[in-house]
PDB file of N, CA and C in Angstrom:
ATOM      1  N   MET A   1     -67.205 -62.315  15.477  1.00  0.00           N
ATOM      2  CA  MET A   1     -67.551 -63.113  14.326  1.00  0.00           C
ATOM      3  C   MET A   1     -66.296 -63.453  13.515  1.00  0.00           C
ATOM      4  N   PHE A   2     -65.409 -62.487  13.368  1.00  0.00           N
ATOM      5  CA  PHE A   2     -64.181 -62.726  12.626  1.00  0.00           C
ATOM      6  C   PHE A   2     -63.332 -63.786  13.326  1.00  0.00           C
ATOM      7  N   ALA A   3     -63.336 -63.766  14.647  1.00  0.00           N
ATOM      8  CA  ALA A   3     -62.561 -64.743  15.416  1.00  0.00           C
ATOM      9  C   ALA A   3     -63.130 -66.143  15.215  1.00  0.00           C
ATOM     10  N   ALA A   4     -64.446 -66.266  15.130  1.00  0.00           N
ATOM     11  CA  ALA A   4     -65.071 -67.574  14.932  1.00  0.00           C
ATOM     12  C   ALA A   4     -64.738 -68.125  13.551  1.00  0.00           C
ATOM     13  N   VAL A   5     -64.743 -67.276  12.532  1.00  0.00           N
ATOM     14  CA  VAL A   5     -64.400 -67.707  11.177  1.00  0.00           C
ATOM     15  C   VAL A   5     -62.936 -68.118  11.115  1.00  0.00           C
ATOM     16  N   THR A   6     -62.078 -67.346  11.756  1.00  0.00           N
ATOM     17  CA  THR A   6     -60.655 -67.663  11.771  1.00  0.00           C
ATOM     18  C   THR A   6     -60.398 -68.985  12.484  1.00  0.00           C
ATOM     19  N   GLU A   7     -61.093 -69.190  13.604  1.00  0.00           N
ATOM     20  CA  GLU A   7     -60.928 -70.428  14.358  1.00  0.00           C
ATOM     21  C   GLU A   7     -61.414 -71.632  13.548  1.00  0.00           C
ATOM     22  N   ALA A   8     -62.540 -71.488  12.860  1.00  0.00           N
ATOM     23  CA  ALA A   8     -63.069 -72.574  12.036  1.00  0.00           C
ATOM     24  C   ALA A   8     -62.120 -72.883  10.875  1.00  0.00           C
ATOM     25  N   LEU A   9     -61.568 -71.841  10.275  1.00  0.00           N
ATOM     26  CA  LEU A   9     -60.634 -72.028   9.174  1.00  0.00           C
ATOM     27  C   LEU A   9     -59.358 -72.717   9.652  1.00  0.00           C
ATOM     28  N   THR A  10     -58.865 -72.317  10.802  1.00  0.00           N
ATOM     29  CA  THR A  10     -57.675 -72.946  11.371  1.00  0.00           C
ATOM     30  C   THR A  10     -57.925 -74.420  11.670  1.00  0.00           C
ATOM     31  N   GLU A  11     -59.090 -74.734  12.211  1.00  0.00           N
ATOM     32  CA  GLU A  11     -59.431 -76.122  12.506  1.00  0.00           C
ATOM     33  C   GLU A  11     -59.533 -76.948  11.218  1.00  0.00           C
ATOM     34  N   ALA A  12     -60.089 -76.370  10.176  1.00  0.00           N
ATOM     35  CA  ALA A  12     -60.195 -77.079   8.898  1.00  0.00           C
ATOM     36  C   ALA A  12     -58.815 -77.346   8.309  1.00  0.00           C
ATOM     37  N   VAL A  13     -57.909 -76.386   8.433  1.00  0.00           N
ATOM     38  CA  VAL A  13     -56.557 -76.563   7.914  1.00  0.00           C
ATOM     39  C   VAL A  13     -55.841 -77.653   8.698  1.00  0.00           C
ATOM     40  N   ILE A  14     -56.021 -77.677  10.017  1.00  0.00           N
ATOM     41  CA  ILE A  14     -55.380 -78.701  10.842  1.00  0.00           C
ATOM     42  C   ILE A  14     -55.906 -80.086  10.474  1.00  0.00           C
ATOM     43  N   ARG A  15     -57.213 -80.202  10.265  1.00  0.00           N
ATOM     44  CA  ARG A  15     -57.780 -81.497   9.876  1.00  0.00           C
ATOM     45  C   ARG A  15     -57.273 -81.932   8.503  1.00  0.00           C
ATOM     46  N   ALA A  16     -57.215 -81.010   7.563  1.00  0.00           N
ATOM     47  CA  ALA A  16     -56.729 -81.344   6.225  1.00  0.00           C
ATOM     48  C   ALA A  16     -55.265 -81.761   6.281  1.00  0.00           C
ATOM     49  N   HIS A  17     -54.476 -81.083   7.115  1.00  0.00           N
ATOM     50  CA  HIS A  17     -53.062 -81.421   7.248  1.00  0.00           C
ATOM     51  C   HIS A  17     -52.900 -82.812   7.865  1.00  0.00           C
ATOM     52  N   ALA A  18     -53.730 -83.129   8.843  1.00  0.00           N
ATOM     53  CA  ALA A  18     -53.664 -84.448   9.471  1.00  0.00           C
ATOM     54  C   ALA A  18     -54.023 -85.545   8.469  1.00  0.00           C
ATOM     55  N   ARG A  19     -55.002 -85.282   7.610  1.00  0.00           N
ATOM     56  CA  ARG A  19     -55.391 -86.286   6.616  1.00  0.00           C
ATOM     57  C   ARG A  19     -54.319 -86.467   5.559  1.00  0.00           C
ATOM     58  N   THR A  20     -53.718 -85.384   5.111  1.00  0.00           N
ATOM     59  CA  THR A  20     -52.656 -85.518   4.111  1.00  0.00           C
ATOM     60  C   THR A  20     -51.426 -86.165   4.711  1.00  0.00           C
ATOM     61  N   GLY A  21     -51.215 -85.996   5.997  1.00  0.00           N
ATOM     62  CA  GLY A  21     -50.107 -86.682   6.657  1.00  0.00           C
ATOM     63  C   GLY A  21     -50.284 -88.185   6.580  1.00  0.00           C
ATOM     64  N   LEU A  22     -51.519 -88.653   6.687  1.00  0.00           N
ATOM     65  CA  LEU A  22     -51.772 -90.086   6.551  1.00  0.00           C
ATOM     66  C   LEU A  22     -51.524 -90.551   5.124  1.00  0.00           C
ATOM     67  N   ILE A  23     -51.863 -89.720   4.156  1.00  0.00           N
ATOM     68  CA  ILE A  23     -51.647 -90.078   2.756  1.00  0.00           C
ATOM     69  C   ILE A  23     -50.156 -90.150   2.456  1.00  0.00           C
ATOM     70  N   TYR A  24     -49.395 -89.198   2.982  1.00  0.00           N
ATOM     71  CA  TYR A  24     -47.964 -89.176   2.721  1.00  0.00           C
ATOM     72  C   TYR A  24     -47.221 -90.322   3.408  1.00  0.00           C
ATOM     73  N   SER A  25     -47.803 -90.884   4.447  1.00  0.00           N
ATOM     74  CA  SER A  25     -47.109 -91.944   5.170  1.00  0.00           C
ATOM     75  C   SER A  25     -47.275 -93.315   4.509  1.00  0.00           C
ATOM     76  N   VAL A  26     -48.127 -93.433   3.478  1.00  0.00           N
ATOM     77  CA  VAL A  26     -48.305 -94.709   2.780  1.00  0.00           C
ATOM     78  C   VAL A  26     -47.063 -94.980   1.933  1.00  0.00           C
ATOM     79  N   ASN A  27     -46.562 -96.203   2.004  1.00  0.00           N
ATOM     80  CA  ASN A  27     -45.386 -96.560   1.218  1.00  0.00           C
ATOM     81  C   ASN A  27     -45.712 -96.518  -0.265  1.00  0.00           C
ATOM     82  N   SER A  28     -44.748 -96.068  -1.047  1.00  0.00           N
ATOM     83  CA  SER A  28     -44.977 -95.995  -2.488  1.00  0.00           C
ATOM     84  C   SER A  28     -44.887 -97.397  -3.086  1.00  0.00           C
ATOM     85  N   PRO A  29     -45.715 -97.694  -4.100  1.00  0.00           N
ATOM     86  CA  PRO A  29     -45.681 -99.028  -4.706  1.00  0.00           C
ATOM     87  C   PRO A  29     -44.398 -99.220  -5.515  1.00  0.00           C
ATOM     88  N   THR A  30     -43.960-100.440  -5.610  1.00  0.00           N
ATOM     89  CA  THR A  30     -42.782-100.760  -6.415  1.00  0.00           C
ATOM     90  C   THR A  30     -43.213-101.694  -7.542  1.00  0.00           C
ATOM     91  N   PRO A  31     -43.452-101.150  -8.732  1.00  0.00           N
ATOM     92  CA  PRO A  31     -43.890-101.984  -9.850  1.00  0.00           C
ATOM     93  C   PRO A  31     -42.786-102.929 -10.314  1.00  0.00           C
ATOM     94  N   ASP A  32     -43.183-104.099 -10.774  1.00  0.00           N
ATOM     95  CA  ASP A  32     -42.249-105.101 -11.256  1.00  0.00           C
ATOM     96  C   ASP A  32     -42.404-105.232 -12.767  1.00  0.00           C
ATOM     97  N   PHE A  33     -41.461-104.638 -13.509  1.00  0.00           N
ATOM     98  CA  PHE A  33     -41.539-104.670 -14.966  1.00  0.00           C
ATOM     99  C   PHE A  33     -40.919-105.935 -15.552  1.00  0.00           C
ATOM    100  N   SER A  34     -40.476-106.844 -14.700  1.00  0.00           N
ATOM    101  CA  SER A  34     -39.921-108.090 -15.217  1.00  0.00           C
ATOM    102  C   SER A  34     -40.901-109.240 -15.022  1.00  0.00           C
ATOM    103  N   GLY A  35     -42.154-108.912 -14.804  1.00  0.00           N
ATOM    104  CA  GLY A  35     -43.172-109.933 -14.564  1.00  0.00           C
ATOM    105  C   GLY A  35     -43.507-110.716 -15.817  1.00  0.00           C
ATOM    106  N   PRO A  36     -44.321-111.751 -15.674  1.00  0.00           N
ATOM    107  CA  PRO A  36     -44.632-112.617 -16.812  1.00  0.00           C
ATOM    108  C   PRO A  36     -45.508-111.952 -17.862  1.00  0.00           C
ATOM    109  N   GLY A  37     -46.263-110.928 -17.520  1.00  0.00           N
ATOM    110  CA  GLY A  37     -47.166-110.324 -18.489  1.00  0.00           C
ATOM    111  C   GLY A  37     -46.546-109.228 -19.320  1.00  0.00           C
ATOM    112  N   VAL A  38     -45.339-108.797 -18.973  1.00  0.00           N
ATOM    113  CA  VAL A  38     -44.734-107.660 -19.670  1.00  0.00           C
ATOM    114  C   VAL A  38     -44.348-108.032 -21.099  1.00  0.00           C
ATOM    115  N   SER A  39     -43.819-109.222 -21.303  1.00  0.00           N
ATOM    116  CA  SER A  39     -43.438-109.611 -22.665  1.00  0.00           C
ATOM    117  C   SER A  39     -44.676-109.756 -23.552  1.00  0.00           C
ATOM    118  N   ALA A  40     -45.772-110.252 -22.980  1.00  0.00           N
ATOM    119  CA  ALA A  40     -47.018-110.346 -23.753  1.00  0.00           C
ATOM    120  C   ALA A  40     -47.536-108.955 -24.087  1.00  0.00           C
ATOM    121  N   LEU A  41     -47.420-108.043 -23.131  1.00  0.00           N
ATOM    122  CA  LEU A  41     -47.846-106.667 -23.373  1.00  0.00           C
ATOM    123  C   LEU A  41     -47.000-106.026 -24.465  1.00  0.00           C
ATOM    124  N   GLN A  42     -45.708-106.324 -24.472  1.00  0.00           N
ATOM    125  CA  GLN A  42     -44.823-105.789 -25.502  1.00  0.00           C
ATOM    126  C   GLN A  42     -45.199-106.330 -26.872  1.00  0.00           C
ATOM    127  N   SER A  43     -45.514-107.618 -26.960  1.00  0.00           N
ATOM    128  CA  SER A  43     -45.880-108.183 -28.266  1.00  0.00           C
ATOM    129  C   SER A  43     -47.223-107.637 -28.744  1.00  0.00           C
ATOM    130  N   VAL A  44     -48.159-107.416 -27.831  1.00  0.00           N
ATOM    131  CA  VAL A  44     -49.443-106.810 -28.207  1.00  0.00           C
ATOM    132  C   VAL A  44     -49.226-105.387 -28.707  1.00  0.00           C
ATOM    133  N   ALA A  45     -48.359-104.642 -28.021  1.00  0.00           N
ATOM    134  CA  ALA A  45     -48.069-103.267 -28.450  1.00  0.00           C
ATOM    135  C   ALA A  45     -47.412-103.257 -29.822  1.00  0.00           C
ATOM    136  N   ASN A  46     -46.536-104.224 -30.085  1.00  0.00           N
ATOM    137  CA  ASN A  46     -45.892-104.291 -31.405  1.00  0.00           C
ATOM    138  C   ASN A  46     -46.902-104.582 -32.512  1.00  0.00           C
ATOM    139  N   VAL A  47     -47.842-105.486 -32.235  1.00  0.00           N
ATOM    140  CA  VAL A  47     -48.869-105.810 -33.232  1.00  0.00           C
ATOM    141  C   VAL A  47     -49.767-104.606 -33.480  1.00  0.00           C
ATOM    142  N   VAL A  48     -50.175-103.942 -32.402  1.00  0.00           N
ATOM    143  CA  VAL A  48     -51.028-102.751 -32.540  1.00  0.00           C
ATOM    144  C   VAL A  48     -50.294-101.669 -33.321  1.00  0.00           C
ATOM    145  N   PHE A  49     -49.001-101.494 -33.041  1.00  0.00           N
ATOM    146  CA  PHE A  49     -48.236-100.484 -33.768  1.00  0.00           C
ATOM    147  C   PHE A  49     -48.138-100.826 -35.254  1.00  0.00           C
ATOM    148  N   ALA A  50     -47.958-102.103 -35.577  1.00  0.00           N
ATOM    149  CA  ALA A  50     -47.893-102.498 -36.986  1.00  0.00           C
ATOM    150  C   ALA A  50     -49.219-102.236 -37.693  1.00  0.00           C
ATOM    151  N   ILE A  51     -50.319-102.528 -37.018  1.00  0.00           N
ATOM    152  CA  ILE A  51     -51.638-102.283 -37.613  1.00  0.00           C
ATOM    153  C   ILE A  51     -51.869-100.783 -37.801  1.00  0.00           C
ATOM    154  N   VAL A  52     -51.532 -99.999 -36.769  1.00  0.00           N
ATOM    155  CA  VAL A  52     -51.715 -98.541 -36.864  1.00  0.00           C
ATOM    156  C   VAL A  52     -50.841 -97.960 -37.962  1.00  0.00           C
ATOM    157  N   LEU A  53     -49.616 -98.443 -38.070  1.00  0.00           N
ATOM    158  CA  LEU A  53     -48.716 -97.940 -39.110  1.00  0.00           C
ATOM    159  C   LEU A  53     -49.244 -98.264 -40.502  1.00  0.00           C
ATOM    160  N   THR A  54     -49.745 -99.480 -40.692  1.00  0.00           N
ATOM    161  CA  THR A  54     -50.302 -99.867 -41.989  1.00  0.00           C
ATOM    162  C   THR A  54     -51.525 -99.021 -42.345  1.00  0.00           C
ATOM    163  N   LEU A  55     -52.439 -98.874 -41.370  1.00  0.00           N
ATOM    164  CA  LEU A  55     -53.630 -98.053 -41.622  1.00  0.00           C
ATOM    165  C   LEU A  55     -53.279 -96.591 -41.835  1.00  0.00           C
ATOM    166  N   ALA A  56     -52.251 -96.105 -41.150  1.00  0.00           N
ATOM    167  CA  ALA A  56     -51.855 -94.707 -41.326  1.00  0.00           C
ATOM    168  C   ALA A  56     -51.271 -94.464 -42.717  1.00  0.00           C
ATOM    169  N   VAL A  57     -50.515 -95.426 -43.224  1.00  0.00           N
ATOM    170  CA  VAL A  57     -49.973 -95.272 -44.585  1.00  0.00           C
ATOM    171  C   VAL A  57     -51.106 -95.262 -45.598  1.00  0.00           C
ATOM    172  N   ILE A  58     -52.054 -96.189 -45.437  1.00  0.00           N
ATOM    173  CA  ILE A  58     -53.205 -96.211 -46.353  1.00  0.00           C
ATOM    174  C   ILE A  58     -54.014 -94.920 -46.231  1.00  0.00           C
ATOM    175  N   GLY A  59     -54.281 -94.503 -45.002  1.00  0.00           N
ATOM    176  CA  GLY A  59     -55.030 -93.258 -44.779  1.00  0.00           C
ATOM    177  C   GLY A  59     -54.279 -92.040 -45.288  1.00  0.00           C
ATOM    178  N   GLY A  60     -52.953 -92.048 -45.138  1.00  0.00           N
ATOM    179  CA  GLY A  60     -52.151 -90.938 -45.644  1.00  0.00           C
ATOM    180  C   GLY A  60     -52.203 -90.832 -47.154  1.00  0.00           C
ATOM    181  N   LEU A  61     -52.197 -91.986 -47.824  1.00  0.00           N
ATOM    182  CA  LEU A  61     -52.307 -91.970 -49.289  1.00  0.00           C
ATOM    183  C   LEU A  61     -53.684 -91.459 -49.728  1.00  0.00           C
ATOM    184  N   ILE A  62     -54.715 -91.894 -49.043  1.00  0.00           N
ATOM    185  CA  ILE A  62     -56.064 -91.403 -49.368  1.00  0.00           C
ATOM    186  C   ILE A  62     -56.161 -89.905 -49.103  1.00  0.00           C
ATOM    187  N   ALA A  63     -55.605 -89.456 -47.978  1.00  0.00           N
ATOM    188  CA  ALA A  63     -55.642 -88.026 -47.647  1.00  0.00           C
ATOM    189  C   ALA A  63     -54.849 -87.208 -48.660  1.00  0.00           C
ATOM    190  N   ALA A  64     -53.702 -87.746 -49.098  1.00  0.00           N
ATOM    191  CA  ALA A  64     -52.926 -87.042 -50.124  1.00  0.00           C
ATOM    192  C   ALA A  64     -53.724 -86.947 -51.417  1.00  0.00           C
ATOM    193  N   GLY A  65     -54.482 -87.996 -51.733  1.00  0.00           N
ATOM    194  CA  GLY A  65     -55.352 -87.941 -52.902  1.00  0.00           C
ATOM    195  C   GLY A  65     -56.408 -86.858 -52.767  1.00  0.00           C
ATOM    196  N   PHE A  66     -56.971 -86.720 -51.567  1.00  0.00           N
ATOM    197  CA  PHE A  66     -57.946 -85.648 -51.336  1.00  0.00           C
ATOM    198  C   PHE A  66     -57.300 -84.276 -51.522  1.00  0.00           C
ATOM    199  N   ILE A  67     -56.065 -84.127 -51.046  1.00  0.00           N
ATOM    200  CA  ILE A  67     -55.378 -82.839 -51.200  1.00  0.00           C
ATOM    201  C   ILE A  67     -55.178 -82.523 -52.683  1.00  0.00           C
ATOM    202  N   VAL A  68     -54.746 -83.517 -53.442  1.00  0.00           N
ATOM    203  CA  VAL A  68     -54.504 -83.300 -54.876  1.00  0.00           C
ATOM    204  C   VAL A  68     -55.810 -82.994 -55.601  1.00  0.00           C
ATOM    205  N   VAL A  69     -56.849 -83.780 -55.349  1.00  0.00           N
ATOM    206  CA  VAL A  69     -58.142 -83.560 -56.013  1.00  0.00           C
ATOM    207  C   VAL A  69     -58.710 -82.189 -55.628  1.00  0.00           C
ATOM    208  N   GLY A  70     -58.593 -81.841 -54.363  1.00  0.00           N
ATOM    209  CA  GLY A  70     -59.083 -80.528 -53.929  1.00  0.00           C
ATOM    210  C   GLY A  70     -58.317 -79.389 -54.563  1.00  0.00           C
ATOM    211  N   HIS A  71     -57.008 -79.568 -54.768  1.00  0.00           N
ATOM    212  CA  HIS A  71     -56.212 -78.518 -55.391  1.00  0.00           C
ATOM    213  C   HIS A  71     -56.530 -78.393 -56.883  1.00  0.00           C
ATOM    214  N   ILE A  72     -56.662 -79.538 -57.549  1.00  0.00           N
ATOM    215  CA  ILE A  72     -56.942 -79.511 -58.992  1.00  0.00           C
ATOM    216  C   ILE A  72     -58.322 -78.929 -59.266  1.00  0.00           C
ATOM    217  N   SER A  73     -59.303 -79.291 -58.447  1.00  0.00           N
ATOM    218  CA  SER A  73     -60.667 -78.809 -58.684  1.00  0.00           C
ATOM    219  C   SER A  73     -60.944 -77.466 -58.008  1.00  0.00           C
ATOM    220  N   SER A  74     -59.938 -76.892 -57.383  1.00  0.00           N
ATOM    221  CA  SER A  74     -60.074 -75.612 -56.657  1.00  0.00           C
ATOM    222  C   SER A  74     -61.160 -75.685 -55.591  1.00  0.00           C
ATOM    223  N   ASN A  75     -61.257 -76.827 -54.957  1.00  0.00           N
ATOM    224  CA  ASN A  75     -62.223 -77.016 -53.877  1.00  0.00           C
ATOM    225  C   ASN A  75     -61.446 -77.025 -52.566  1.00  0.00           C
ATOM    226  N   GLY A  76     -61.479 -75.904 -51.883  1.00  0.00           N
ATOM    227  CA  GLY A  76     -60.721 -75.740 -50.646  1.00  0.00           C
ATOM    228  C   GLY A  76     -61.188 -76.652 -49.523  1.00  0.00           C
ATOM    229  N   ARG A  77     -62.493 -76.957 -49.542  1.00  0.00           N
ATOM    230  CA  ARG A  77     -63.029 -77.807 -48.466  1.00  0.00           C
ATOM    231  C   ARG A  77     -62.464 -79.225 -48.553  1.00  0.00           C
ATOM    232  N   VAL A  78     -62.403 -79.772 -49.747  1.00  0.00           N
ATOM    233  CA  VAL A  78     -61.854 -81.117 -49.930  1.00  0.00           C
ATOM    234  C   VAL A  78     -60.360 -81.120 -49.609  1.00  0.00           C
ATOM    235  N   GLN A  79     -59.681 -80.076 -50.007  1.00  0.00           N
ATOM    236  CA  GLN A  79     -58.247 -79.975 -49.731  1.00  0.00           C
ATOM    237  C   GLN A  79     -57.987 -79.903 -48.230  1.00  0.00           C
ATOM    238  N   LYS A  80     -58.803 -79.140 -47.497  1.00  0.00           N
ATOM    239  CA  LYS A  80     -58.644 -79.049 -46.041  1.00  0.00           C
ATOM    240  C   LYS A  80     -58.955 -80.382 -45.365  1.00  0.00           C
ATOM    241  N   MET A  81     -59.934 -81.111 -45.891  1.00  0.00           N
ATOM    242  CA  MET A  81     -60.240 -82.426 -45.338  1.00  0.00           C
ATOM    243  C   MET A  81     -59.050 -83.366 -45.530  1.00  0.00           C
ATOM    244  N   GLY A  82     -58.376 -83.270 -46.662  1.00  0.00           N
ATOM    245  CA  GLY A  82     -57.186 -84.080 -46.898  1.00  0.00           C
ATOM    246  C   GLY A  82     -56.051 -83.727 -45.957  1.00  0.00           C
ATOM    247  N   ILE A  83     -55.882 -82.434 -45.693  1.00  0.00           N
ATOM    248  CA  ILE A  83     -54.828 -81.998 -44.772  1.00  0.00           C
ATOM    249  C   ILE A  83     -55.121 -82.495 -43.359  1.00  0.00           C
ATOM    250  N   VAL A  84     -56.374 -82.394 -42.929  1.00  0.00           N
ATOM    251  CA  VAL A  84     -56.757 -82.889 -41.603  1.00  0.00           C
ATOM    252  C   VAL A  84     -56.538 -84.396 -41.514  1.00  0.00           C
ATOM    253  N   GLY A  85     -56.876 -85.117 -42.572  1.00  0.00           N
ATOM    254  CA  GLY A  85     -56.657 -86.564 -42.587  1.00  0.00           C
ATOM    255  C   GLY A  85     -55.190 -86.924 -42.506  1.00  0.00           C
ATOM    256  N   LEU A  86     -54.349 -86.187 -43.212  1.00  0.00           N
ATOM    257  CA  LEU A  86     -52.920 -86.450 -43.196  1.00  0.00           C
ATOM    258  C   LEU A  86     -52.320 -86.160 -41.818  1.00  0.00           C
ATOM    259  N   VAL A  87     -52.724 -85.061 -41.225  1.00  0.00           N
ATOM    260  CA  VAL A  87     -52.243 -84.725 -39.875  1.00  0.00           C
ATOM    261  C   VAL A  87     -52.720 -85.757 -38.860  1.00  0.00           C
ATOM    262  N   SER A  88     -53.949 -86.236 -39.015  1.00  0.00           N
ATOM    263  CA  SER A  88     -54.474 -87.265 -38.112  1.00  0.00           C
ATOM    264  C   SER A  88     -53.679 -88.557 -38.227  1.00  0.00           C
ATOM    265  N   CYS A  89     -53.302 -88.930 -39.437  1.00  0.00           N
ATOM    266  CA  CYS A  89     -52.499 -90.141 -39.626  1.00  0.00           C
ATOM    267  C   CYS A  89     -51.132 -90.003 -38.970  1.00  0.00           C
ATOM    268  N   VAL A  90     -50.508 -88.872 -39.128  1.00  0.00           N
ATOM    269  CA  VAL A  90     -49.197 -88.652 -38.516  1.00  0.00           C
ATOM    270  C   VAL A  90     -49.307 -88.671 -36.992  1.00  0.00           C
ATOM    271  N   CYS A  91     -50.351 -88.047 -36.446  1.00  0.00           N
ATOM    272  CA  CYS A  91     -50.542 -88.042 -34.986  1.00  0.00           C
ATOM    273  C   CYS A  91     -50.837 -89.447 -34.462  1.00  0.00           C
ATOM    274  N   GLY A  92     -51.595 -90.227 -35.198  1.00  0.00           N
ATOM    275  CA  GLY A  92     -51.878 -91.596 -34.780  1.00  0.00           C
ATOM    276  C   GLY A  92     -50.623 -92.443 -34.712  1.00  0.00           C
ATOM    277  N   VAL A  93     -49.739 -92.293 -35.692  1.00  0.00           N
ATOM    278  CA  VAL A  93     -48.482 -93.036 -35.678  1.00  0.00           C
ATOM    279  C   VAL A  93     -47.599 -92.556 -34.523  1.00  0.00           C
ATOM    280  N   ALA A  94     -47.595 -91.266 -34.260  1.00  0.00           N
ATOM    281  CA  ALA A  94     -46.785 -90.746 -33.159  1.00  0.00           C
ATOM    282  C   ALA A  94     -47.263 -91.287 -31.812  1.00  0.00           C
ATOM    283  N   VAL A  95     -48.577 -91.342 -31.620  1.00  0.00           N
ATOM    284  CA  VAL A  95     -49.119 -91.871 -30.361  1.00  0.00           C
ATOM    285  C   VAL A  95     -48.807 -93.357 -30.231  1.00  0.00           C
ATOM    286  N   ALA A  96     -49.000 -94.130 -31.294  1.00  0.00           N
ATOM    287  CA  ALA A  96     -48.724 -95.565 -31.240  1.00  0.00           C
ATOM    288  C   ALA A  96     -47.238 -95.826 -31.002  1.00  0.00           C
ATOM    289  N   GLY A  97     -46.384 -95.077 -31.632  1.00  0.00           N
ATOM    290  CA  GLY A  97     -44.943 -95.228 -31.413  1.00  0.00           C
ATOM    291  C   GLY A  97     -44.540 -94.821 -30.009  1.00  0.00           C
ATOM    292  N   GLY A  98     -45.208 -93.833 -29.470  1.00  0.00           N
ATOM    293  CA  GLY A  98     -44.922 -93.409 -28.100  1.00  0.00           C
ATOM    294  C   GLY A  98     -45.307 -94.465 -27.085  1.00  0.00           C
ATOM    295  N   ILE A  99     -46.393 -95.180 -27.333  1.00  0.00           N
ATOM    296  CA  ILE A  99     -46.815 -96.226 -26.402  1.00  0.00           C
ATOM    297  C   ILE A  99     -45.800 -97.363 -26.400  1.00  0.00           C
ATOM    298  N   ALA A 100     -45.344 -97.779 -27.568  1.00  0.00           N
ATOM    299  CA  ALA A 100     -44.344 -98.845 -27.625  1.00  0.00           C
ATOM    300  C   ALA A 100     -43.043 -98.393 -26.963  1.00  0.00           C
ATOM    301  N   GLY A 101     -42.651 -97.163 -27.186  1.00  0.00           N
ATOM    302  CA  GLY A 101     -41.452 -96.636 -26.546  1.00  0.00           C
ATOM    303  C   GLY A 101     -41.603 -96.544 -25.034  1.00  0.00           C
ATOM    304  N   LEU A 102     -42.802 -96.224 -24.575  1.00  0.00           N
ATOM    305  CA  LEU A 102     -43.046 -96.144 -23.131  1.00  0.00           C
ATOM    306  C   LEU A 102     -42.923 -97.521 -22.484  1.00  0.00           C
ATOM    307  N   ILE A 103     -43.419 -98.547 -23.158  1.00  0.00           N
ATOM    308  CA  ILE A 103     -43.276 -99.906 -22.623  1.00  0.00           C
ATOM    309  C   ILE A 103     -41.809-100.313 -22.585  1.00  0.00           C
ATOM    310  N   ASN A 104     -41.069-100.003 -23.650  1.00  0.00           N
ATOM    311  CA  ASN A 104     -39.628-100.318 -23.661  1.00  0.00           C
ATOM    312  C   ASN A 104     -38.895 -99.588 -22.558  1.00  0.00           C
ATOM    313  N   TRP A 105     -39.254 -98.334 -22.323  1.00  0.00           N
ATOM    314  CA  TRP A 105     -38.631 -97.561 -21.260  1.00  0.00           C
ATOM    315  C   TRP A 105     -38.950 -98.164 -19.903  1.00  0.00           C
ATOM    316  N   GLY A 106     -40.196 -98.606 -19.723  1.00  0.00           N
ATOM    317  CA  GLY A 106     -40.588 -99.203 -18.449  1.00  0.00           C
ATOM    318  C   GLY A 106     -39.862-100.502 -18.170  1.00  0.00           C
ATOM    319  N   GLN A 107     -39.587-101.265 -19.223  1.00  0.00           N
ATOM    320  CA  GLN A 107     -38.848-102.518 -19.024  1.00  0.00           C
ATOM    321  C   GLN A 107     -37.399-102.254 -18.621  1.00  0.00           C
ATOM    322  N   GLY A 108     -36.853-101.148 -19.054  1.00  0.00           N
ATOM    323  CA  GLY A 108     -35.449-100.838 -18.762  1.00  0.00           C
ATOM    324  C   GLY A 108     -35.225-100.193 -17.410  1.00  0.00           C
ATOM    325  N   LEU A 109     -36.303 -99.849 -16.685  1.00  0.00           N
ATOM    326  CA  LEU A 109     -36.128 -99.206 -15.391  1.00  0.00           C
ATOM    327  C   LEU A 109     -35.579-100.181 -14.365  1.00  0.00           C
ATOM    328  N   LYS A 110     -34.699 -99.713 -13.535  1.00  0.00           N
ATOM    329  CA  LYS A 110     -34.175-100.505 -12.432  1.00  0.00           C
ATOM    330  C   LYS A 110     -34.806 -99.976 -11.144  1.00  0.00           C
ATOM    331  N   ILE A 111     -35.763-100.720 -10.641  1.00  0.00           N
ATOM    332  CA  ILE A 111     -36.497-100.294  -9.454  1.00  0.00           C
ATOM    333  C   ILE A 111     -36.037-101.148  -8.280  1.00  0.00           C
ATOM    334  N   ALA A 112     -35.697-100.471  -7.193  1.00  0.00           N
ATOM    335  CA  ALA A 112     -35.158-101.190  -6.015  1.00  0.00           C
ATOM    336  C   ALA A 112     -36.193-102.018  -5.330  1.00  0.00           C
TER     337      ALA A 112
END
């Protein structure tokens, strides 16, 4: 019985290896970052980043107001909501800035 299980396992490994060999033999794609749509994508990313930055500043001011009101009224729940809002605004700007930077990095790649 042990020999049959070992033989079945060996056959499964051989089949899996043969299938992955086919996957590894596929040529890797070569993306073209100088195509006609890249500049449009860059301008869309810039507009989205400007909108996110504007909303984050407004949201940050509102969140700072919540922090101040929560501190003055000794309401910890309101103060924590303001802190969460402020952290969310900072994270949103970081993500939006990262996307624009990723597009700029992709345009600068030299792909053979």
